[in-house]
Amino acid sequence: MANTYTWTITSMYTLPNVPNQPNYVVNTQWTLTGTDGTHSASIQGNTQFTVQQSDPNFVPYANLTQAEVIGWIQTALGAQGIANYEANVQGQINSIENPPVSPSAQPLPWSA
């Protein structure tokens, strides 16, 4: 079964006084969660945006949707960035399914 990945916006930071664009989003914090149906893992990140004066695609803060902001984030990250984050989450899931073996200190055989 293929993993399912879900992006969630956890907070957004705005600049209040961008001309004609109040509460312009300049930073988002988000969580990417992956599940394989049995195990799940997540990673958190943040994405910053540069103010674009007179942005023709400006959407008032109150009208933003989570899907729209996730689209901004994914565009900013690009396909490789998204793949890297998903690979990180996949690595966590793999470690849950098959915990890595950690070395442990042993008493020295000649000091018994």
C-alpha atoms as a PDB file:
ATOM      1  CA  MET A   1       0.000   0.000   0.000  1.00  0.00           C
ATOM      2  CA  ALA A   2       1.320   3.448  -0.876  1.00  0.00           C
ATOM      3  CA  ASN A   3       1.797   6.014   1.819  1.00  0.00           C
ATOM      4  CA  THR A   4      -0.659   8.844   2.240  1.00  0.00           C
ATOM      5  CA  TYR A   5       0.799  12.284   3.005  1.00  0.00           C
ATOM      6  CA  THR A   6      -1.193  15.094   4.599  1.00  0.00           C
ATOM      7  CA  TRP A   7      -0.076  18.709   4.893  1.00  0.00           C
ATOM      8  CA  THR A   8      -1.488  20.806   7.736  1.00  0.00           C
ATOM      9  CA  ILE A   9      -0.922  24.502   8.369  1.00  0.00           C
ATOM     10  CA  THR A  10      -0.228  25.097  12.062  1.00  0.00           C
ATOM     11  CA  SER A  11       0.278  28.882  12.023  1.00  0.00           C
ATOM     12  CA  MET A  12       0.743  31.846   9.727  1.00  0.00           C
ATOM     13  CA  TYR A  13       2.533  35.147  10.285  1.00  0.00           C
ATOM     14  CA  THR A  14       1.507  38.313   8.498  1.00  0.00           C
ATOM     15  CA  LEU A  15       2.645  41.856   7.924  1.00  0.00           C
ATOM     16  CA  PRO A  16      -0.233  44.206   8.745  1.00  0.00           C
ATOM     17  CA  ASN A  17       0.732  47.257   6.716  1.00  0.00           C
ATOM     18  CA  VAL A  18       1.545  46.157   3.174  1.00  0.00           C
ATOM     19  CA  PRO A  19      -0.163  48.808   0.980  1.00  0.00           C
ATOM     20  CA  ASN A  20      -3.552  47.579  -0.269  1.00  0.00           C
ATOM     21  CA  GLN A  21      -2.754  44.102   1.054  1.00  0.00           C
ATOM     22  CA  PRO A  22      -3.377  44.008   4.827  1.00  0.00           C
ATOM     23  CA  ASN A  23      -2.281  40.895   6.703  1.00  0.00           C
ATOM     24  CA  TYR A  24       0.036  39.737   3.924  1.00  0.00           C
ATOM     25  CA  VAL A  25       1.263  36.210   4.767  1.00  0.00           C
ATOM     26  CA  VAL A  26       5.063  36.123   5.028  1.00  0.00           C
ATOM     27  CA  ASN A  27       5.649  32.908   6.986  1.00  0.00           C
ATOM     28  CA  THR A  28       3.813  29.639   7.487  1.00  0.00           C
ATOM     29  CA  GLN A  29       4.492  26.806   9.860  1.00  0.00           C
ATOM     30  CA  TRP A  30       3.244  23.404   8.818  1.00  0.00           C
ATOM     31  CA  THR A  31       3.298  19.682   9.511  1.00  0.00           C
ATOM     32  CA  LEU A  32       3.640  16.906   6.938  1.00  0.00           C
ATOM     33  CA  THR A  33       2.230  13.608   8.200  1.00  0.00           C
ATOM     34  CA  GLY A  34       2.626  10.307   6.398  1.00  0.00           C
ATOM     35  CA  THR A  35       0.928   7.006   7.057  1.00  0.00           C
ATOM     36  CA  ASP A  36       1.287   3.566   5.548  1.00  0.00           C
ATOM     37  CA  GLY A  37      -2.043   2.452   6.964  1.00  0.00           C
ATOM     38  CA  THR A  38      -0.474   1.059  10.132  1.00  0.00           C
ATOM     39  CA  HIS A  39       2.267   3.474  11.168  1.00  0.00           C
ATOM     40  CA  SER A  40       2.490   7.225  10.893  1.00  0.00           C
ATOM     41  CA  ALA A  41       5.178   9.837  11.309  1.00  0.00           C
ATOM     42  CA  SER A  42       5.471  13.561  10.756  1.00  0.00           C
ATOM     43  CA  ILE A  43       7.866  16.402  10.228  1.00  0.00           C
ATOM     44  CA  GLN A  44       7.406  20.100  10.873  1.00  0.00           C
ATOM     45  CA  GLY A  45       8.708  22.954   8.809  1.00  0.00           C
ATOM     46  CA  ASN A  46       8.200  26.563   7.908  1.00  0.00           C
ATOM     47  CA  THR A  47       8.143  28.404   4.637  1.00  0.00           C
ATOM     48  CA  GLN A  48       8.736  32.119   4.177  1.00  0.00           C
ATOM     49  CA  PHE A  49       7.303  34.283   1.436  1.00  0.00           C
ATOM     50  CA  THR A  50       8.530  37.587   0.031  1.00  0.00           C
ATOM     51  CA  VAL A  51       6.095  40.480  -0.142  1.00  0.00           C
ATOM     52  CA  GLN A  52       5.120  41.269  -3.700  1.00  0.00           C
ATOM     53  CA  GLN A  53       3.858  44.831  -3.881  1.00  0.00           C
ATOM     54  CA  SER A  54       0.568  45.064  -5.777  1.00  0.00           C
ATOM     55  CA  ASP A  55       0.283  41.271  -6.039  1.00  0.00           C
ATOM     56  CA  PRO A  56      -2.517  40.662  -8.595  1.00  0.00           C
ATOM     57  CA  ASN A  57      -3.269  37.306  -6.964  1.00  0.00           C
ATOM     58  CA  PHE A  58      -3.564  38.723  -3.441  1.00  0.00           C
ATOM     59  CA  VAL A  59      -6.285  37.007  -1.416  1.00  0.00           C
ATOM     60  CA  PRO A  60      -7.498  38.711   1.772  1.00  0.00           C
ATOM     61  CA  TYR A  61      -6.392  36.813   4.867  1.00  0.00           C
ATOM     62  CA  ALA A  62      -9.982  36.025   5.903  1.00  0.00           C
ATOM     63  CA  ASN A  63     -10.601  34.376   2.509  1.00  0.00           C
ATOM     64  CA  LEU A  64      -7.548  32.093   2.469  1.00  0.00           C
ATOM     65  CA  THR A  65      -8.061  28.348   2.530  1.00  0.00           C
ATOM     66  CA  GLN A  66      -5.673  25.759   3.874  1.00  0.00           C
ATOM     67  CA  ALA A  67      -5.514  24.137   0.417  1.00  0.00           C
ATOM     68  CA  GLU A  68      -4.456  27.447  -1.147  1.00  0.00           C
ATOM     69  CA  VAL A  69      -1.684  28.061   1.398  1.00  0.00           C
ATOM     70  CA  ILE A  70      -0.464  24.462   1.067  1.00  0.00           C
ATOM     71  CA  GLY A  71      -0.255  25.108  -2.678  1.00  0.00           C
ATOM     72  CA  TRP A  72       1.977  28.129  -2.016  1.00  0.00           C
ATOM     73  CA  ILE A  73       4.228  26.037   0.214  1.00  0.00           C
ATOM     74  CA  GLN A  74       4.495  23.205  -2.287  1.00  0.00           C
ATOM     75  CA  THR A  75       5.247  25.652  -5.094  1.00  0.00           C
ATOM     76  CA  ALA A  76       7.966  27.262  -2.964  1.00  0.00           C
ATOM     77  CA  LEU A  77       9.481  23.860  -2.109  1.00  0.00           C
ATOM     78  CA  GLY A  78       9.312  22.474  -5.628  1.00  0.00           C
ATOM     79  CA  ALA A  79       8.981  18.815  -6.546  1.00  0.00           C
ATOM     80  CA  GLN A  80      12.411  17.911  -5.157  1.00  0.00           C
ATOM     81  CA  GLY A  81      11.748  19.661  -1.840  1.00  0.00           C
ATOM     82  CA  ILE A  82       8.432  17.858  -1.441  1.00  0.00           C
ATOM     83  CA  ALA A  83      10.104  14.532  -2.292  1.00  0.00           C
ATOM     84  CA  ASN A  84      12.816  15.199   0.311  1.00  0.00           C
ATOM     85  CA  TYR A  85      10.285  15.879   3.065  1.00  0.00           C
ATOM     86  CA  GLU A  86       8.243  12.807   2.122  1.00  0.00           C
ATOM     87  CA  ALA A  87      11.427  10.702   2.125  1.00  0.00           C
ATOM     88  CA  ASN A  88      12.208  11.985   5.631  1.00  0.00           C
ATOM     89  CA  VAL A  89       8.759  10.934   6.838  1.00  0.00           C
ATOM     90  CA  GLN A  90       9.142   7.585   5.064  1.00  0.00           C
ATOM     91  CA  GLY A  91      12.448   7.059   6.848  1.00  0.00           C
ATOM     92  CA  GLN A  92      10.725   7.625  10.186  1.00  0.00           C
ATOM     93  CA  ILE A  93       8.021   5.097   9.279  1.00  0.00           C
ATOM     94  CA  ASN A  94      10.707   2.599   8.203  1.00  0.00           C
ATOM     95  CA  SER A  95      12.433   3.056  11.569  1.00  0.00           C
ATOM     96  CA  ILE A  96       9.163   2.378  13.390  1.00  0.00           C
ATOM     97  CA  GLU A  97       8.556  -0.783  11.364  1.00  0.00           C
ATOM     98  CA  ASN A  98      12.180  -1.976  11.611  1.00  0.00           C
ATOM     99  CA  PRO A  99      13.892  -0.234  14.515  1.00  0.00           C
ATOM    100  CA  PRO A 100      17.572   0.302  13.835  1.00  0.00           C
ATOM    101  CA  VAL A 101      20.009  -1.640  15.971  1.00  0.00           C
ATOM    102  CA  SER A 102      22.056   0.667  18.149  1.00  0.00           C
ATOM    103  CA  PRO A 103      25.468  -0.300  19.426  1.00  0.00           C
ATOM    104  CA  SER A 104      25.787  -0.713  23.161  1.00  0.00           C
ATOM    105  CA  ALA A 105      28.849  -0.442  25.382  1.00  0.00           C
ATOM    106  CA  GLN A 106      30.096  -3.735  26.742  1.00  0.00           C
ATOM    107  CA  PRO A 107      32.390  -4.367  29.673  1.00  0.00           C
ATOM    108  CA  LEU A 108      35.954  -4.881  28.540  1.00  0.00           C
ATOM    109  CA  PRO A 109      36.766  -8.615  28.474  1.00  0.00           C
ATOM    110  CA  TRP A 110      40.139  -8.184  30.173  1.00  0.00           C
ATOM    111  CA  SER A 111      38.813  -6.242  33.141  1.00  0.00           C
ATOM    112  CA  ALA A 112      36.660  -9.056  34.584  1.00  0.00           C
END
